[in-house]
């Protein structure tokens, strides 16, 4: 889980309400504070437990609350699939990871050795795939 002091990589341009670009894709920022919603039981069905989850970050030198989905490192431990990038559209790709599976678990974020952009490494194998080519396998 992300904690204060961690360095995160920005996933996409983040623009203020005034139209200023605050952060660009690939920028590195340091987390000052993590906002966590405490775990709780459902009010409608007391048998269901909702675990604690991150609801936002406060970053150094930036005001406001930032959503976890804006940073690549928040997908560490999550299951992902590959997507094709064609003319700005994401298209599901049936190409398997080097592990031979269609779904892999993100282990970490590195700089792509050839492209110099963020790339995910995986628990199932020693491969890496640029982050923008991955999508969560199970989206609510």
C-alpha atoms as a PDB file:
ATOM      1  CA  UNK A   1       0.000   0.000   0.000  1.00  0.00           C
ATOM      2  CA  UNK A   2       1.190   3.518  -0.802  1.00  0.00           C
ATOM      3  CA  UNK A   3       2.446   5.552   2.183  1.00  0.00           C
ATOM      4  CA  UNK A   4       3.761   9.041   2.897  1.00  0.00           C
ATOM      5  CA  UNK A   5       7.229   9.579   1.453  1.00  0.00           C
ATOM      6  CA  UNK A   6       6.710   7.276  -1.557  1.00  0.00           C
ATOM      7  CA  UNK A   7       7.470   8.595  -5.035  1.00  0.00           C
ATOM      8  CA  UNK A   8       4.736   8.117  -7.641  1.00  0.00           C
ATOM      9  CA  UNK A   9       4.730   8.427 -11.440  1.00  0.00           C
ATOM     10  CA  UNK A  10       1.878  10.411 -13.016  1.00  0.00           C
ATOM     11  CA  UNK A  11      -0.287   8.325 -15.402  1.00  0.00           C
ATOM     12  CA  UNK A  12      -1.790  11.143 -17.520  1.00  0.00           C
ATOM     13  CA  UNK A  13      -1.817  14.917 -17.785  1.00  0.00           C
ATOM     14  CA  UNK A  14      -3.568  16.475 -14.811  1.00  0.00           C
ATOM     15  CA  UNK A  15      -5.167  19.791 -15.641  1.00  0.00           C
ATOM     16  CA  UNK A  16      -6.530  22.349 -13.173  1.00  0.00           C
ATOM     17  CA  UNK A  17      -9.984  23.875 -13.469  1.00  0.00           C
ATOM     18  CA  UNK A  18      -8.315  26.964 -14.926  1.00  0.00           C
ATOM     19  CA  UNK A  19      -6.794  24.899 -17.743  1.00  0.00           C
ATOM     20  CA  UNK A  20      -3.191  24.896 -16.468  1.00  0.00           C
ATOM     21  CA  UNK A  21      -1.267  21.646 -16.817  1.00  0.00           C
ATOM     22  CA  UNK A  22      -0.274  20.812 -13.243  1.00  0.00           C
ATOM     23  CA  UNK A  23       1.416  17.479 -13.916  1.00  0.00           C
ATOM     24  CA  UNK A  24       2.333  15.706 -17.138  1.00  0.00           C
ATOM     25  CA  UNK A  25       2.470  12.017 -17.973  1.00  0.00           C
ATOM     26  CA  UNK A  26       5.677  10.565 -16.500  1.00  0.00           C
ATOM     27  CA  UNK A  27       6.293  13.301 -13.886  1.00  0.00           C
ATOM     28  CA  UNK A  28       7.543  12.033 -10.504  1.00  0.00           C
ATOM     29  CA  UNK A  29       5.888  13.356  -7.334  1.00  0.00           C
ATOM     30  CA  UNK A  30       6.306  12.609  -3.619  1.00  0.00           C
ATOM     31  CA  UNK A  31       3.343  11.694  -1.425  1.00  0.00           C
ATOM     32  CA  UNK A  32       2.980  13.901   1.655  1.00  0.00           C
ATOM     33  CA  UNK A  33      -0.148  12.302   3.101  1.00  0.00           C
ATOM     34  CA  UNK A  34      -2.393   9.362   2.190  1.00  0.00           C
ATOM     35  CA  UNK A  35      -6.120   9.569   2.904  1.00  0.00           C
ATOM     36  CA  UNK A  36      -7.559   6.172   3.839  1.00  0.00           C
ATOM     37  CA  UNK A  37     -11.178   5.210   4.323  1.00  0.00           C
ATOM     38  CA  UNK A  38     -11.354   2.840   7.279  1.00  0.00           C
ATOM     39  CA  UNK A  39     -12.731  -0.660   6.830  1.00  0.00           C
ATOM     40  CA  UNK A  40     -16.352  -1.185   7.815  1.00  0.00           C
ATOM     41  CA  UNK A  41     -19.281  -3.581   7.637  1.00  0.00           C
ATOM     42  CA  UNK A  42     -22.104  -2.882   5.219  1.00  0.00           C
ATOM     43  CA  UNK A  43     -25.116  -1.173   6.763  1.00  0.00           C
ATOM     44  CA  UNK A  44     -27.501  -3.084   4.490  1.00  0.00           C
ATOM     45  CA  UNK A  45     -25.873  -6.504   4.876  1.00  0.00           C
ATOM     46  CA  UNK A  46     -23.794  -6.761   8.074  1.00  0.00           C
ATOM     47  CA  UNK A  47     -22.051  -9.925   6.810  1.00  0.00           C
ATOM     48  CA  UNK A  48     -20.167  -7.948   4.139  1.00  0.00           C
ATOM     49  CA  UNK A  49     -16.832  -6.384   5.167  1.00  0.00           C
ATOM     50  CA  UNK A  50     -15.390  -3.527   3.119  1.00  0.00           C
ATOM     51  CA  UNK A  51     -11.596  -3.418   3.688  1.00  0.00           C
ATOM     52  CA  UNK A  52      -9.726  -0.132   4.175  1.00  0.00           C
ATOM     53  CA  UNK A  53      -8.952   1.653   0.895  1.00  0.00           C
ATOM     54  CA  UNK A  54      -7.033   4.683  -0.312  1.00  0.00           C
ATOM     55  CA  UNK A  55      -9.330   7.554  -1.256  1.00  0.00           C
ATOM     56  CA  UNK A  56      -6.746  10.198  -2.147  1.00  0.00           C
ATOM     57  CA  UNK A  57      -3.265  11.647  -1.790  1.00  0.00           C
ATOM     58  CA  UNK A  58      -1.823  14.987  -0.798  1.00  0.00           C
ATOM     59  CA  UNK A  59       1.343  15.702  -2.765  1.00  0.00           C
ATOM     60  CA  UNK A  60       4.305  17.936  -1.979  1.00  0.00           C
ATOM     61  CA  UNK A  61       4.053  21.366  -3.619  1.00  0.00           C
ATOM     62  CA  UNK A  62       0.559  20.576  -4.988  1.00  0.00           C
ATOM     63  CA  UNK A  63      -2.753  21.434  -3.418  1.00  0.00           C
ATOM     64  CA  UNK A  64      -5.842  19.263  -3.695  1.00  0.00           C
ATOM     65  CA  UNK A  65      -6.660  15.602  -3.355  1.00  0.00           C
ATOM     66  CA  UNK A  66      -5.405  13.303  -6.108  1.00  0.00           C
ATOM     67  CA  UNK A  67      -7.147  10.093  -7.074  1.00  0.00           C
ATOM     68  CA  UNK A  68      -5.142   6.846  -6.847  1.00  0.00           C
ATOM     69  CA  UNK A  69      -5.951   5.994 -10.506  1.00  0.00           C
ATOM     70  CA  UNK A  70      -3.803   8.972 -11.621  1.00  0.00           C
ATOM     71  CA  UNK A  71      -0.577   7.165 -10.661  1.00  0.00           C
ATOM     72  CA  UNK A  72       1.050   4.025 -12.092  1.00  0.00           C
ATOM     73  CA  UNK A  73       2.282   2.642  -8.756  1.00  0.00           C
ATOM     74  CA  UNK A  74      -1.252   2.219  -7.401  1.00  0.00           C
ATOM     75  CA  UNK A  75      -1.685  -0.811  -9.697  1.00  0.00           C
ATOM     76  CA  UNK A  76       1.086  -2.791  -7.978  1.00  0.00           C
ATOM     77  CA  UNK A  77      -0.489  -6.078  -6.882  1.00  0.00           C
ATOM     78  CA  UNK A  78      -3.392  -5.701  -9.339  1.00  0.00           C
ATOM     79  CA  UNK A  79      -4.239  -8.063 -12.218  1.00  0.00           C
ATOM     80  CA  UNK A  80      -3.855  -6.513 -15.704  1.00  0.00           C
ATOM     81  CA  UNK A  81      -4.358  -7.400 -19.374  1.00  0.00           C
ATOM     82  CA  UNK A  82      -2.650  -6.022 -22.485  1.00  0.00           C
ATOM     83  CA  UNK A  83      -4.443  -3.623 -24.820  1.00  0.00           C
ATOM     84  CA  UNK A  84      -3.447  -2.406 -28.275  1.00  0.00           C
ATOM     85  CA  UNK A  85      -3.026   1.305 -28.845  1.00  0.00           C
ATOM     86  CA  UNK A  86      -4.487   2.103 -32.266  1.00  0.00           C
ATOM     87  CA  UNK A  87      -5.308   5.633 -33.322  1.00  0.00           C
ATOM     88  CA  UNK A  88      -5.771   6.690 -29.706  1.00  0.00           C
ATOM     89  CA  UNK A  89      -8.257   3.900 -28.949  1.00  0.00           C
ATOM     90  CA  UNK A  90      -7.694   0.984 -26.605  1.00  0.00           C
ATOM     91  CA  UNK A  91      -8.449  -2.356 -28.250  1.00  0.00           C
ATOM     92  CA  UNK A  92      -8.332  -5.601 -26.270  1.00  0.00           C
ATOM     93  CA  UNK A  93      -5.427  -7.742 -27.406  1.00  0.00           C
ATOM     94  CA  UNK A  94      -5.435 -11.522 -27.165  1.00  0.00           C
ATOM     95  CA  UNK A  95      -1.636 -11.573 -27.132  1.00  0.00           C
ATOM     96  CA  UNK A  96      -0.379 -13.355 -24.047  1.00  0.00           C
ATOM     97  CA  UNK A  97       2.283 -12.188 -21.635  1.00  0.00           C
ATOM     98  CA  UNK A  98       5.616 -14.069 -21.683  1.00  0.00           C
ATOM     99  CA  UNK A  99       4.239 -16.189 -18.832  1.00  0.00           C
ATOM    100  CA  UNK A 100       1.762 -17.631 -21.362  1.00  0.00           C
ATOM    101  CA  UNK A 101      -1.188 -16.106 -19.492  1.00  0.00           C
ATOM    102  CA  UNK A 102      -3.662 -13.444 -20.611  1.00  0.00           C
ATOM    103  CA  UNK A 103      -3.686 -11.880 -17.117  1.00  0.00           C
ATOM    104  CA  UNK A 104      -0.589 -10.968 -15.082  1.00  0.00           C
ATOM    105  CA  UNK A 105      -0.009  -9.422 -11.653  1.00  0.00           C
ATOM    106  CA  UNK A 106       1.899  -6.116 -11.517  1.00  0.00           C
ATOM    107  CA  UNK A 107       5.075  -6.376  -9.421  1.00  0.00           C
ATOM    108  CA  UNK A 108       6.589  -2.928  -9.940  1.00  0.00           C
ATOM    109  CA  UNK A 109       7.185   0.095 -12.154  1.00  0.00           C
ATOM    110  CA  UNK A 110      10.460   0.664 -14.026  1.00  0.00           C
ATOM    111  CA  UNK A 111      11.668   2.969 -16.771  1.00  0.00           C
ATOM    112  CA  UNK A 112      11.336   1.083 -20.077  1.00  0.00           C
ATOM    113  CA  UNK A 113      14.950   0.305 -21.117  1.00  0.00           C
ATOM    114  CA  UNK A 114      14.329   1.221 -24.770  1.00  0.00           C
ATOM    115  CA  UNK A 115      11.525   3.800 -24.726  1.00  0.00           C
ATOM    116  CA  UNK A 116      12.413   5.565 -21.454  1.00  0.00           C
ATOM    117  CA  UNK A 117       8.757   5.673 -20.293  1.00  0.00           C
ATOM    118  CA  UNK A 118       7.101   3.918 -17.306  1.00  0.00           C
ATOM    119  CA  UNK A 119       6.689   0.137 -17.719  1.00  0.00           C
ATOM    120  CA  UNK A 120       5.226  -2.561 -15.460  1.00  0.00           C
ATOM    121  CA  UNK A 121       7.119  -5.671 -14.358  1.00  0.00           C
ATOM    122  CA  UNK A 122       5.169  -8.797 -13.415  1.00  0.00           C
ATOM    123  CA  UNK A 123       5.210 -11.488 -10.727  1.00  0.00           C
ATOM    124  CA  UNK A 124       4.539 -14.329 -13.188  1.00  0.00           C
ATOM    125  CA  UNK A 125       7.599 -13.676 -15.382  1.00  0.00           C
ATOM    126  CA  UNK A 126      10.519 -11.285 -15.826  1.00  0.00           C
ATOM    127  CA  UNK A 127       8.960  -9.347 -18.718  1.00  0.00           C
ATOM    128  CA  UNK A 128       8.018  -5.674 -18.832  1.00  0.00           C
ATOM    129  CA  UNK A 129       5.258  -3.864 -20.734  1.00  0.00           C
ATOM    130  CA  UNK A 130       4.810  -0.113 -21.055  1.00  0.00           C
ATOM    131  CA  UNK A 131       2.160   1.038 -18.551  1.00  0.00           C
ATOM    132  CA  UNK A 132      -0.164   2.661 -21.080  1.00  0.00           C
ATOM    133  CA  UNK A 133      -0.599  -0.752 -22.784  1.00  0.00           C
ATOM    134  CA  UNK A 134      -2.041  -2.318 -19.617  1.00  0.00           C
ATOM    135  CA  UNK A 135      -5.582  -2.146 -18.270  1.00  0.00           C
ATOM    136  CA  UNK A 136      -7.090  -3.541 -15.083  1.00  0.00           C
ATOM    137  CA  UNK A 137      -8.373  -7.048 -15.748  1.00  0.00           C
ATOM    138  CA  UNK A 138     -11.402  -6.671 -13.507  1.00  0.00           C
ATOM    139  CA  UNK A 139     -12.959  -3.229 -13.617  1.00  0.00           C
ATOM    140  CA  UNK A 140     -16.092  -2.641 -11.546  1.00  0.00           C
END
